[in-house]
Amino acid sequence: MTSAPTWIPVATVDDLWEGEIAEFFVGDRPILLAHLRSGQIRAFDGLCPHAGFPLADGDVDGDVLTCSAHNWEFDLSTGAGINPNSCRLRSHAVRREGDQIVVSLTEEWSQ
């Protein structure tokens, strides 16, 4: 039997303008929120899967995030790797509850 997801408030919509990314924390776990120009909000683990560098320090061009450590590129609408395409960001369910942005972390955090 599976349990219902736990939704955790992470930020407010005023904390994250459209077209921006920002790092927030759930306990000691960094979470990257991306507010896409389409209006959708996406949530990912906040560290690059390549070298563990903070993704919030990267550059965004449209829906493409470039990690500032090694220039790996990710599609923020899906989390898929672009360059290289063999990797992807770990994504989390996200939704709005009024002005709150809440996420459901389904996987355990390991550093």
PDB file of N, CA and C in Angstrom:
ATOM      1  N   MET A   1       0.836  -1.173   0.000  1.00  0.00           N
ATOM      2  CA  MET A   1       0.000   0.000   0.000  1.00  0.00           C
ATOM      3  C   MET A   1       0.888   1.245   0.000  1.00  0.00           C
ATOM      4  N   THR A   2       0.641   2.170  -0.900  1.00  0.00           N
ATOM      5  CA  THR A   2       1.429   3.389  -0.969  1.00  0.00           C
ATOM      6  C   THR A   2       0.747   4.490  -0.175  1.00  0.00           C
ATOM      7  N   SER A   3       1.550   5.352   0.399  1.00  0.00           N
ATOM      8  CA  SER A   3       0.991   6.457   1.163  1.00  0.00           C
ATOM      9  C   SER A   3       0.790   7.665   0.251  1.00  0.00           C
ATOM     10  N   ALA A   4      -0.096   8.543   0.684  1.00  0.00           N
ATOM     11  CA  ALA A   4      -0.349   9.764  -0.074  1.00  0.00           C
ATOM     12  C   ALA A   4       0.891  10.647  -0.027  1.00  0.00           C
ATOM     13  N   PRO A   5       1.135  11.406  -1.092  1.00  0.00           N
ATOM     14  CA  PRO A   5       2.314  12.272  -1.097  1.00  0.00           C
ATOM     15  C   PRO A   5       2.204  13.354  -0.022  1.00  0.00           C
ATOM     16  N   THR A   6       3.349  13.744   0.496  1.00  0.00           N
ATOM     17  CA  THR A   6       3.427  14.841   1.444  1.00  0.00           C
ATOM     18  C   THR A   6       3.807  16.098   0.678  1.00  0.00           C
ATOM     19  N   TRP A   7       2.994  17.134   0.779  1.00  0.00           N
ATOM     20  CA  TRP A   7       3.243  18.399   0.095  1.00  0.00           C
ATOM     21  C   TRP A   7       3.878  19.374   1.076  1.00  0.00           C
ATOM     22  N   ILE A   8       5.030  19.929   0.699  1.00  0.00           N
ATOM     23  CA  ILE A   8       5.819  20.786   1.573  1.00  0.00           C
ATOM     24  C   ILE A   8       5.895  22.185   0.962  1.00  0.00           C
ATOM     25  N   PRO A   9       5.477  23.219   1.711  1.00  0.00           N
ATOM     26  CA  PRO A   9       5.633  24.588   1.201  1.00  0.00           C
ATOM     27  C   PRO A   9       7.112  24.924   1.059  1.00  0.00           C
ATOM     28  N   VAL A  10       7.480  25.470  -0.096  1.00  0.00           N
ATOM     29  CA  VAL A  10       8.878  25.780  -0.372  1.00  0.00           C
ATOM     30  C   VAL A  10       9.080  27.282  -0.586  1.00  0.00           C
ATOM     31  N   ALA A  11       8.124  27.926  -1.233  1.00  0.00           N
ATOM     32  CA  ALA A  11       8.269  29.341  -1.581  1.00  0.00           C
ATOM     33  C   ALA A  11       6.879  29.919  -1.851  1.00  0.00           C
ATOM     34  N   THR A  12       6.854  31.211  -2.129  1.00  0.00           N
ATOM     35  CA  THR A  12       5.623  31.846  -2.589  1.00  0.00           C
ATOM     36  C   THR A  12       5.839  32.281  -4.034  1.00  0.00           C
ATOM     37  N   VAL A  13       4.769  32.567  -4.740  1.00  0.00           N
ATOM     38  CA  VAL A  13       4.908  33.006  -6.127  1.00  0.00           C
ATOM     39  C   VAL A  13       5.658  34.336  -6.210  1.00  0.00           C
ATOM     40  N   ASP A  14       5.621  35.150  -5.143  1.00  0.00           N
ATOM     41  CA  ASP A  14       6.386  36.395  -5.135  1.00  0.00           C
ATOM     42  C   ASP A  14       7.887  36.149  -5.025  1.00  0.00           C
ATOM     43  N   ASP A  15       8.297  34.957  -4.565  1.00  0.00           N
ATOM     44  CA  ASP A  15       9.715  34.610  -4.452  1.00  0.00           C
ATOM     45  C   ASP A  15      10.332  34.202  -5.786  1.00  0.00           C
ATOM     46  N   LEU A  16       9.485  33.924  -6.773  1.00  0.00           N
ATOM     47  CA  LEU A  16       9.977  33.338  -8.021  1.00  0.00           C
ATOM     48  C   LEU A  16       9.196  33.914  -9.199  1.00  0.00           C
ATOM     49  N   TRP A  17       9.773  34.915  -9.840  1.00  0.00           N
ATOM     50  CA  TRP A  17       9.119  35.569 -10.969  1.00  0.00           C
ATOM     51  C   TRP A  17       9.208  34.692 -12.217  1.00  0.00           C
ATOM     52  N   GLU A  18       8.288  34.903 -13.121  1.00  0.00           N
ATOM     53  CA  GLU A  18       8.285  34.157 -14.381  1.00  0.00           C
ATOM     54  C   GLU A  18       9.606  34.358 -15.110  1.00  0.00           C
ATOM     55  N   GLY A  19      10.167  33.253 -15.592  1.00  0.00           N
ATOM     56  CA  GLY A  19      11.447  33.283 -16.294  1.00  0.00           C
ATOM     57  C   GLY A  19      12.650  33.131 -15.382  1.00  0.00           C
ATOM     58  N   GLU A  20      12.424  32.973 -14.072  1.00  0.00           N
ATOM     59  CA  GLU A  20      13.523  32.872 -13.120  1.00  0.00           C
ATOM     60  C   GLU A  20      13.674  31.464 -12.555  1.00  0.00           C
ATOM     61  N   ILE A  21      14.850  31.207 -12.016  1.00  0.00           N
ATOM     62  CA  ILE A  21      15.119  30.016 -11.216  1.00  0.00           C
ATOM     63  C   ILE A  21      15.623  30.488  -9.863  1.00  0.00           C
ATOM     64  N   ALA A  22      15.438  29.649  -8.850  1.00  0.00           N
ATOM     65  CA  ALA A  22      15.953  29.989  -7.525  1.00  0.00           C
ATOM     66  C   ALA A  22      16.091  28.711  -6.719  1.00  0.00           C
ATOM     67  N   GLU A  23      17.024  28.754  -5.755  1.00  0.00           N
ATOM     68  CA  GLU A  23      17.255  27.619  -4.874  1.00  0.00           C
ATOM     69  C   GLU A  23      16.530  27.846  -3.552  1.00  0.00           C
ATOM     70  N   PHE A  24      15.854  26.800  -3.100  1.00  0.00           N
ATOM     71  CA  PHE A  24      15.174  26.794  -1.806  1.00  0.00           C
ATOM     72  C   PHE A  24      15.564  25.498  -1.110  1.00  0.00           C
ATOM     73  N   PHE A  25      15.280  25.397   0.166  1.00  0.00           N
ATOM     74  CA  PHE A  25      15.672  24.206   0.911  1.00  0.00           C
ATOM     75  C   PHE A  25      14.480  23.556   1.584  1.00  0.00           C
ATOM     76  N   VAL A  26      14.469  22.222   1.542  1.00  0.00           N
ATOM     77  CA  VAL A  26      13.567  21.407   2.348  1.00  0.00           C
ATOM     78  C   VAL A  26      14.489  20.671   3.310  1.00  0.00           C
ATOM     79  N   GLY A  27      14.541  21.129   4.553  1.00  0.00           N
ATOM     80  CA  GLY A  27      15.559  20.641   5.478  1.00  0.00           C
ATOM     81  C   GLY A  27      16.911  21.045   4.936  1.00  0.00           C
ATOM     82  N   ASP A  28      17.815  20.069   4.740  1.00  0.00           N
ATOM     83  CA  ASP A  28      19.128  20.376   4.169  1.00  0.00           C
ATOM     84  C   ASP A  28      19.202  20.065   2.680  1.00  0.00           C
ATOM     85  N   ARG A  29      18.072  19.760   2.076  1.00  0.00           N
ATOM     86  CA  ARG A  29      18.027  19.373   0.662  1.00  0.00           C
ATOM     87  C   ARG A  29      17.760  20.588  -0.229  1.00  0.00           C
ATOM     88  N   PRO A  30      18.711  20.933  -1.114  1.00  0.00           N
ATOM     89  CA  PRO A  30      18.481  22.051  -2.025  1.00  0.00           C
ATOM     90  C   PRO A  30      17.506  21.652  -3.137  1.00  0.00           C
ATOM     91  N   ILE A  31      16.539  22.519  -3.378  1.00  0.00           N
ATOM     92  CA  ILE A  31      15.537  22.315  -4.424  1.00  0.00           C
ATOM     93  C   ILE A  31      15.608  23.500  -5.373  1.00  0.00           C
ATOM     94  N   LEU A  32      15.700  23.225  -6.659  1.00  0.00           N
ATOM     95  CA  LEU A  32      15.677  24.267  -7.674  1.00  0.00           C
ATOM     96  C   LEU A  32      14.249  24.415  -8.171  1.00  0.00           C
ATOM     97  N   LEU A  33      13.704  25.612  -8.060  1.00  0.00           N
ATOM     98  CA  LEU A  33      12.410  25.906  -8.661  1.00  0.00           C
ATOM     99  C   LEU A  33      12.643  26.726  -9.914  1.00  0.00           C
ATOM    100  N   ALA A  34      11.925  26.382 -10.962  1.00  0.00           N
ATOM    101  CA  ALA A  34      12.003  27.107 -12.225  1.00  0.00           C
ATOM    102  C   ALA A  34      10.601  27.550 -12.594  1.00  0.00           C
ATOM    103  N   HIS A  35      10.415  28.856 -12.768  1.00  0.00           N
ATOM    104  CA  HIS A  35       9.129  29.407 -13.196  1.00  0.00           C
ATOM    105  C   HIS A  35       9.266  29.715 -14.681  1.00  0.00           C
ATOM    106  N   LEU A  36       8.755  28.826 -15.503  1.00  0.00           N
ATOM    107  CA  LEU A  36       8.924  28.925 -16.948  1.00  0.00           C
ATOM    108  C   LEU A  36       8.090  30.065 -17.509  1.00  0.00           C
ATOM    109  N   ARG A  37       8.497  30.554 -18.655  1.00  0.00           N
ATOM    110  CA  ARG A  37       7.767  31.654 -19.301  1.00  0.00           C
ATOM    111  C   ARG A  37       6.348  31.236 -19.692  1.00  0.00           C
ATOM    112  N   SER A  38       6.104  29.947 -19.790  1.00  0.00           N
ATOM    113  CA  SER A  38       4.757  29.443 -20.074  1.00  0.00           C
ATOM    114  C   SER A  38       3.844  29.556 -18.858  1.00  0.00           C
ATOM    115  N   GLY A  39       4.438  29.911 -17.698  1.00  0.00           N
ATOM    116  CA  GLY A  39       3.680  30.023 -16.461  1.00  0.00           C
ATOM    117  C   GLY A  39       3.788  28.790 -15.588  1.00  0.00           C
ATOM    118  N   GLN A  40       4.283  27.689 -16.134  1.00  0.00           N
ATOM    119  CA  GLN A  40       4.433  26.461 -15.356  1.00  0.00           C
ATOM    120  C   GLN A  40       5.616  26.581 -14.392  1.00  0.00           C
ATOM    121  N   ILE A  41       5.504  25.889 -13.264  1.00  0.00           N
ATOM    122  CA  ILE A  41       6.582  25.841 -12.287  1.00  0.00           C
ATOM    123  C   ILE A  41       7.074  24.405 -12.206  1.00  0.00           C
ATOM    124  N   ARG A  42       8.371  24.234 -12.243  1.00  0.00           N
ATOM    125  CA  ARG A  42       9.000  22.917 -12.155  1.00  0.00           C
ATOM    126  C   ARG A  42       9.914  22.891 -10.936  1.00  0.00           C
ATOM    127  N   ALA A  43      10.071  21.685 -10.347  1.00  0.00           N
ATOM    128  CA  ALA A  43      10.951  21.506  -9.182  1.00  0.00           C
ATOM    129  C   ALA A  43      11.919  20.364  -9.463  1.00  0.00           C
ATOM    130  N   PHE A  44      13.182  20.598  -9.133  1.00  0.00           N
ATOM    131  CA  PHE A  44      14.243  19.614  -9.342  1.00  0.00           C
ATOM    132  C   PHE A  44      15.168  19.614  -8.136  1.00  0.00           C
ATOM    133  N   ASP A  45      15.929  18.522  -7.966  1.00  0.00           N
ATOM    134  CA  ASP A  45      17.016  18.578  -7.004  1.00  0.00           C
ATOM    135  C   ASP A  45      17.921  19.733  -7.429  1.00  0.00           C
ATOM    136  N   GLY A  46      18.448  20.451  -6.455  1.00  0.00           N
ATOM    137  CA  GLY A  46      19.169  21.677  -6.745  1.00  0.00           C
ATOM    138  C   GLY A  46      20.623  21.530  -7.119  1.00  0.00           C
ATOM    139  N   LEU A  47      21.131  20.297  -7.153  1.00  0.00           N
ATOM    140  CA  LEU A  47      22.543  20.090  -7.493  1.00  0.00           C
ATOM    141  C   LEU A  47      22.676  19.391  -8.839  1.00  0.00           C
ATOM    142  N   CYS A  48      23.646  19.816  -9.604  1.00  0.00           N
ATOM    143  CA  CYS A  48      23.899  19.214 -10.910  1.00  0.00           C
ATOM    144  C   CYS A  48      24.232  17.728 -10.731  1.00  0.00           C
ATOM    145  N   PRO A  49      23.622  16.847 -11.521  1.00  0.00           N
ATOM    146  CA  PRO A  49      23.907  15.411 -11.387  1.00  0.00           C
ATOM    147  C   PRO A  49      25.337  15.052 -11.798  1.00  0.00           C
ATOM    148  N   HIS A  50      26.022  15.954 -12.468  1.00  0.00           N
ATOM    149  CA  HIS A  50      27.384  15.688 -12.914  1.00  0.00           C
ATOM    150  C   HIS A  50      28.399  15.867 -11.789  1.00  0.00           C
ATOM    151  N   ALA A  51      28.393  17.054 -11.168  1.00  0.00           N
ATOM    152  CA  ALA A  51      29.443  17.343 -10.194  1.00  0.00           C
ATOM    153  C   ALA A  51      28.910  17.891  -8.873  1.00  0.00           C
ATOM    154  N   GLY A  52      27.580  17.887  -8.693  1.00  0.00           N
ATOM    155  CA  GLY A  52      27.015  18.351  -7.436  1.00  0.00           C
ATOM    156  C   GLY A  52      27.092  19.851  -7.238  1.00  0.00           C
ATOM    157  N   PHE A  53      27.254  20.609  -8.308  1.00  0.00           N
ATOM    158  CA  PHE A  53      27.343  22.061  -8.229  1.00  0.00           C
ATOM    159  C   PHE A  53      25.938  22.657  -8.148  1.00  0.00           C
ATOM    160  N   PRO A  54      25.730  23.755  -7.401  1.00  0.00           N
ATOM    161  CA  PRO A  54      24.387  24.361  -7.290  1.00  0.00           C
ATOM    162  C   PRO A  54      23.872  24.841  -8.649  1.00  0.00           C
ATOM    163  N   LEU A  55      22.749  24.297  -9.074  1.00  0.00           N
ATOM    164  CA  LEU A  55      22.175  24.664 -10.363  1.00  0.00           C
ATOM    165  C   LEU A  55      21.671  26.097 -10.401  1.00  0.00           C
ATOM    166  N   ALA A  56      21.302  26.645  -9.257  1.00  0.00           N
ATOM    167  CA  ALA A  56      20.794  28.023  -9.213  1.00  0.00           C
ATOM    168  C   ALA A  56      21.858  29.032  -9.634  1.00  0.00           C
ATOM    169  N   ASP A  57      23.138  28.620  -9.635  1.00  0.00           N
ATOM    170  CA  ASP A  57      24.216  29.499 -10.083  1.00  0.00           C
ATOM    171  C   ASP A  57      24.359  29.490 -11.601  1.00  0.00           C
ATOM    172  N   GLY A  58      23.554  28.669 -12.275  1.00  0.00           N
ATOM    173  CA  GLY A  58      23.652  28.556 -13.725  1.00  0.00           C
ATOM    174  C   GLY A  58      22.933  29.678 -14.447  1.00  0.00           C
ATOM    175  N   ASP A  59      23.008  29.630 -15.768  1.00  0.00           N
ATOM    176  CA  ASP A  59      22.377  30.627 -16.632  1.00  0.00           C
ATOM    177  C   ASP A  59      21.159  30.018 -17.307  1.00  0.00           C
ATOM    178  N   VAL A  60      20.104  30.829 -17.445  1.00  0.00           N
ATOM    179  CA  VAL A  60      18.877  30.379 -18.104  1.00  0.00           C
ATOM    180  C   VAL A  60      18.682  31.180 -19.379  1.00  0.00           C
ATOM    181  N   ASP A  61      18.401  30.464 -20.463  1.00  0.00           N
ATOM    182  CA  ASP A  61      18.062  31.082 -21.740  1.00  0.00           C
ATOM    183  C   ASP A  61      16.814  30.374 -22.234  1.00  0.00           C
ATOM    184  N   GLY A  62      15.673  31.039 -22.137  1.00  0.00           N
ATOM    185  CA  GLY A  62      14.405  30.381 -22.449  1.00  0.00           C
ATOM    186  C   GLY A  62      14.140  29.316 -21.408  1.00  0.00           C
ATOM    187  N   ASP A  63      13.982  28.059 -21.841  1.00  0.00           N
ATOM    188  CA  ASP A  63      13.772  26.940 -20.924  1.00  0.00           C
ATOM    189  C   ASP A  63      15.035  26.101 -20.746  1.00  0.00           C
ATOM    190  N   VAL A  64      16.192  26.611 -21.170  1.00  0.00           N
ATOM    191  CA  VAL A  64      17.443  25.863 -21.083  1.00  0.00           C
ATOM    192  C   VAL A  64      18.299  26.424 -19.954  1.00  0.00           C
ATOM    193  N   LEU A  65      18.678  25.546 -19.036  1.00  0.00           N
ATOM    194  CA  LEU A  65      19.571  25.889 -17.928  1.00  0.00           C
ATOM    195  C   LEU A  65      20.956  25.340 -18.245  1.00  0.00           C
ATOM    196  N   THR A  66      21.968  26.196 -18.159  1.00  0.00           N
ATOM    197  CA  THR A  66      23.350  25.787 -18.341  1.00  0.00           C
ATOM    198  C   THR A  66      24.042  25.846 -16.991  1.00  0.00           C
ATOM    199  N   CYS A  67      24.542  24.707 -16.532  1.00  0.00           N
ATOM    200  CA  CYS A  67      25.263  24.639 -15.270  1.00  0.00           C
ATOM    201  C   CYS A  67      26.552  25.438 -15.412  1.00  0.00           C
ATOM    202  N   SER A  68      26.815  26.300 -14.432  1.00  0.00           N
ATOM    203  CA  SER A  68      27.998  27.162 -14.531  1.00  0.00           C
ATOM    204  C   SER A  68      29.305  26.433 -14.229  1.00  0.00           C
ATOM    205  N   ALA A  69      29.238  25.211 -13.699  1.00  0.00           N
ATOM    206  CA  ALA A  69      30.463  24.483 -13.389  1.00  0.00           C
ATOM    207  C   ALA A  69      31.103  23.879 -14.635  1.00  0.00           C
ATOM    208  N   HIS A  70      30.302  23.166 -15.440  1.00  0.00           N
ATOM    209  CA  HIS A  70      30.872  22.462 -16.595  1.00  0.00           C
ATOM    210  C   HIS A  70      30.048  22.632 -17.875  1.00  0.00           C
ATOM    211  N   ASN A  71      29.135  23.603 -17.871  1.00  0.00           N
ATOM    212  CA  ASN A  71      28.340  23.937 -19.059  1.00  0.00           C
ATOM    213  C   ASN A  71      27.397  22.838 -19.519  1.00  0.00           C
ATOM    214  N   TRP A  72      27.027  21.913 -18.630  1.00  0.00           N
ATOM    215  CA  TRP A  72      26.005  20.946 -18.998  1.00  0.00           C
ATOM    216  C   TRP A  72      24.687  21.687 -19.133  1.00  0.00           C
ATOM    217  N   GLU A  73      23.851  21.256 -20.092  1.00  0.00           N
ATOM    218  CA  GLU A  73      22.586  21.935 -20.378  1.00  0.00           C
ATOM    219  C   GLU A  73      21.406  21.019 -20.112  1.00  0.00           C
ATOM    220  N   PHE A  74      20.338  21.618 -19.556  1.00  0.00           N
ATOM    221  CA  PHE A  74      19.127  20.870 -19.207  1.00  0.00           C
ATOM    222  C   PHE A  74      17.890  21.624 -19.682  1.00  0.00           C
ATOM    223  N   ASP A  75      16.896  20.875 -20.127  1.00  0.00           N
ATOM    224  CA  ASP A  75      15.603  21.431 -20.511  1.00  0.00           C
ATOM    225  C   ASP A  75      14.770  21.557 -19.242  1.00  0.00           C
ATOM    226  N   LEU A  76      14.476  22.777 -18.811  1.00  0.00           N
ATOM    227  CA  LEU A  76      13.737  22.987 -17.570  1.00  0.00           C
ATOM    228  C   LEU A  76      12.272  22.577 -17.666  1.00  0.00           C
ATOM    229  N   SER A  77      11.748  22.413 -18.872  1.00  0.00           N
ATOM    230  CA  SER A  77      10.347  21.982 -18.983  1.00  0.00           C
ATOM    231  C   SER A  77      10.200  20.494 -18.702  1.00  0.00           C
ATOM    232  N   THR A  78      11.296  19.729 -18.865  1.00  0.00           N
ATOM    233  CA  THR A  78      11.221  18.279 -18.662  1.00  0.00           C
ATOM    234  C   THR A  78      12.280  17.737 -17.702  1.00  0.00           C
ATOM    235  N   GLY A  79      13.375  18.458 -17.535  1.00  0.00           N
ATOM    236  CA  GLY A  79      14.505  17.971 -16.749  1.00  0.00           C
ATOM    237  C   GLY A  79      15.498  17.168 -17.572  1.00  0.00           C
ATOM    238  N   ALA A  80      15.202  16.945 -18.835  1.00  0.00           N
ATOM    239  CA  ALA A  80      16.067  16.133 -19.693  1.00  0.00           C
ATOM    240  C   ALA A  80      17.376  16.852 -19.987  1.00  0.00           C
ATOM    241  N   GLY A  81      18.438  16.067 -20.076  1.00  0.00           N
ATOM    242  CA  GLY A  81      19.719  16.617 -20.468  1.00  0.00           C
ATOM    243  C   GLY A  81      19.722  16.938 -21.949  1.00  0.00           C
ATOM    244  N   ILE A  82      20.330  18.059 -22.299  1.00  0.00           N
ATOM    245  CA  ILE A  82      20.482  18.455 -23.700  1.00  0.00           C
ATOM    246  C   ILE A  82      21.906  18.179 -24.148  1.00  0.00           C
ATOM    247  N   ASN A  83      22.859  18.594 -23.329  1.00  0.00           N
ATOM    248  CA  ASN A  83      24.270  18.407 -23.639  1.00  0.00           C
ATOM    249  C   ASN A  83      25.000  18.091 -22.336  1.00  0.00           C
ATOM    250  N   PRO A  84      25.255  16.837 -22.045  1.00  0.00           N
ATOM    251  CA  PRO A  84      24.932  15.656 -22.853  1.00  0.00           C
ATOM    252  C   PRO A  84      23.472  15.237 -22.654  1.00  0.00           C
ATOM    253  N   ASN A  85      22.985  14.437 -23.587  1.00  0.00           N
ATOM    254  CA  ASN A  85      21.592  14.000 -23.500  1.00  0.00           C
ATOM    255  C   ASN A  85      21.437  12.703 -22.710  1.00  0.00           C
ATOM    256  N   SER A  86      22.504  12.210 -22.134  1.00  0.00           N
ATOM    257  CA  SER A  86      22.467  10.954 -21.382  1.00  0.00           C
ATOM    258  C   SER A  86      22.156  11.153 -19.896  1.00  0.00           C
ATOM    259  N   CYS A  87      21.900  12.386 -19.491  1.00  0.00           N
ATOM    260  CA  CYS A  87      21.610  12.651 -18.081  1.00  0.00           C
ATOM    261  C   CYS A  87      20.267  13.364 -17.972  1.00  0.00           C
ATOM    262  N   ARG A  88      19.798  13.510 -16.738  1.00  0.00           N
ATOM    263  CA  ARG A  88      18.583  14.286 -16.519  1.00  0.00           C
ATOM    264  C   ARG A  88      18.555  14.747 -15.073  1.00  0.00           C
ATOM    265  N   LEU A  89      17.803  15.801 -14.837  1.00  0.00           N
ATOM    266  CA  LEU A  89      17.612  16.306 -13.486  1.00  0.00           C
ATOM    267  C   LEU A  89      16.560  15.466 -12.787  1.00  0.00           C
ATOM    268  N   ARG A  90      16.728  15.268 -11.476  1.00  0.00           N
ATOM    269  CA  ARG A  90      15.713  14.561 -10.689  1.00  0.00           C
ATOM    270  C   ARG A  90      14.589  15.552 -10.395  1.00  0.00           C
ATOM    271  N   SER A  91      13.409  15.249 -10.919  1.00  0.00           N
ATOM    272  CA  SER A  91      12.290  16.171 -10.769  1.00  0.00           C
ATOM    273  C   SER A  91      11.368  15.739  -9.634  1.00  0.00           C
ATOM    274  N   HIS A  92      10.581  16.696  -9.167  1.00  0.00           N
ATOM    275  CA  HIS A  92       9.631  16.470  -8.083  1.00  0.00           C
ATOM    276  C   HIS A  92       8.294  17.089  -8.474  1.00  0.00           C
ATOM    277  N   ALA A  93       7.228  16.485  -7.983  1.00  0.00           N
ATOM    278  CA  ALA A  93       5.898  17.040  -8.224  1.00  0.00           C
ATOM    279  C   ALA A  93       5.815  18.406  -7.557  1.00  0.00           C
ATOM    280  N   VAL A  94       5.189  19.345  -8.240  1.00  0.00           N
ATOM    281  CA  VAL A  94       5.056  20.705  -7.724  1.00  0.00           C
ATOM    282  C   VAL A  94       3.667  21.223  -8.096  1.00  0.00           C
ATOM    283  N   ARG A  95       3.116  22.037  -7.227  1.00  0.00           N
ATOM    284  CA  ARG A  95       1.832  22.673  -7.523  1.00  0.00           C
ATOM    285  C   ARG A  95       1.726  23.965  -6.717  1.00  0.00           C
ATOM    286  N   ARG A  96       0.750  24.762  -7.119  1.00  0.00           N
ATOM    287  CA  ARG A  96       0.450  25.989  -6.378  1.00  0.00           C
ATOM    288  C   ARG A  96      -0.750  25.749  -5.492  1.00  0.00           C
ATOM    289  N   GLU A  97      -0.675  26.257  -4.289  1.00  0.00           N
ATOM    290  CA  GLU A  97      -1.805  26.274  -3.366  1.00  0.00           C
ATOM    291  C   GLU A  97      -1.969  27.723  -2.939  1.00  0.00           C
ATOM    292  N   GLY A  98      -2.840  28.439  -3.635  1.00  0.00           N
ATOM    293  CA  GLY A  98      -2.944  29.877  -3.423  1.00  0.00           C
ATOM    294  C   GLY A  98      -1.660  30.532  -3.876  1.00  0.00           C
ATOM    295  N   ASP A  99      -1.017  31.284  -2.979  1.00  0.00           N
ATOM    296  CA  ASP A  99       0.257  31.926  -3.302  1.00  0.00           C
ATOM    297  C   ASP A  99       1.457  31.056  -2.968  1.00  0.00           C
ATOM    298  N   GLN A 100       1.229  29.895  -2.371  1.00  0.00           N
ATOM    299  CA  GLN A 100       2.315  28.994  -1.984  1.00  0.00           C
ATOM    300  C   GLN A 100       2.697  28.072  -3.141  1.00  0.00           C
ATOM    301  N   ILE A 101       3.999  27.821  -3.270  1.00  0.00           N
ATOM    302  CA  ILE A 101       4.517  26.788  -4.167  1.00  0.00           C
ATOM    303  C   ILE A 101       4.896  25.627  -3.265  1.00  0.00           C
ATOM    304  N   VAL A 102       4.282  24.467  -3.498  1.00  0.00           N
ATOM    305  CA  VAL A 102       4.535  23.301  -2.659  1.00  0.00           C
ATOM    306  C   VAL A 102       5.076  22.174  -3.529  1.00  0.00           C
ATOM    307  N   VAL A 103       5.955  21.357  -2.946  1.00  0.00           N
ATOM    308  CA  VAL A 103       6.545  20.231  -3.669  1.00  0.00           C
ATOM    309  C   VAL A 103       6.320  18.949  -2.882  1.00  0.00           C
ATOM    310  N   SER A 104       6.335  17.854  -3.608  1.00  0.00           N
ATOM    311  CA  SER A 104       6.278  16.527  -3.008  1.00  0.00           C
ATOM    312  C   SER A 104       7.559  15.807  -3.370  1.00  0.00           C
ATOM    313  N   LEU A 105       8.389  15.560  -2.369  1.00  0.00           N
ATOM    314  CA  LEU A 105       9.674  14.883  -2.582  1.00  0.00           C
ATOM    315  C   LEU A 105       9.443  13.389  -2.445  1.00  0.00           C
ATOM    316  N   THR A 106       9.507  12.682  -3.545  1.00  0.00           N
ATOM    317  CA  THR A 106       9.178  11.268  -3.539  1.00  0.00           C
ATOM    318  C   THR A 106      10.386  10.374  -3.330  1.00  0.00           C
ATOM    319  N   GLU A 107      11.586  10.897  -3.586  1.00  0.00           N
ATOM    320  CA  GLU A 107      12.792  10.089  -3.398  1.00  0.00           C
ATOM    321  C   GLU A 107      13.551  10.564  -2.179  1.00  0.00           C
ATOM    322  N   GLU A 108      14.261   9.633  -1.569  1.00  0.00           N
ATOM    323  CA  GLU A 108      15.099   9.971  -0.425  1.00  0.00           C
ATOM    324  C   GLU A 108      16.279  10.827  -0.887  1.00  0.00           C
ATOM    325  N   TRP A 109      16.758  11.674  -0.024  1.00  0.00           N
ATOM    326  CA  TRP A 109      17.900  12.546  -0.301  1.00  0.00           C
ATOM    327  C   TRP A 109      19.165  11.868   0.174  1.00  0.00           C
ATOM    328  N   SER A 110      20.141  11.778  -0.706  1.00  0.00           N
ATOM    329  CA  SER A 110      21.455  11.280  -0.294  1.00  0.00           C
ATOM    330  C   SER A 110      22.500  12.198  -0.904  1.00  0.00           C
ATOM    331  N   GLN A 111      23.430  12.619  -0.090  1.00  0.00           N
ATOM    332  CA  GLN A 111      24.461  13.536  -0.574  1.00  0.00           C
ATOM    333  C   GLN A 111      25.666  12.784  -1.035  1.00  0.00           C
TER     334      GLN A 111
END
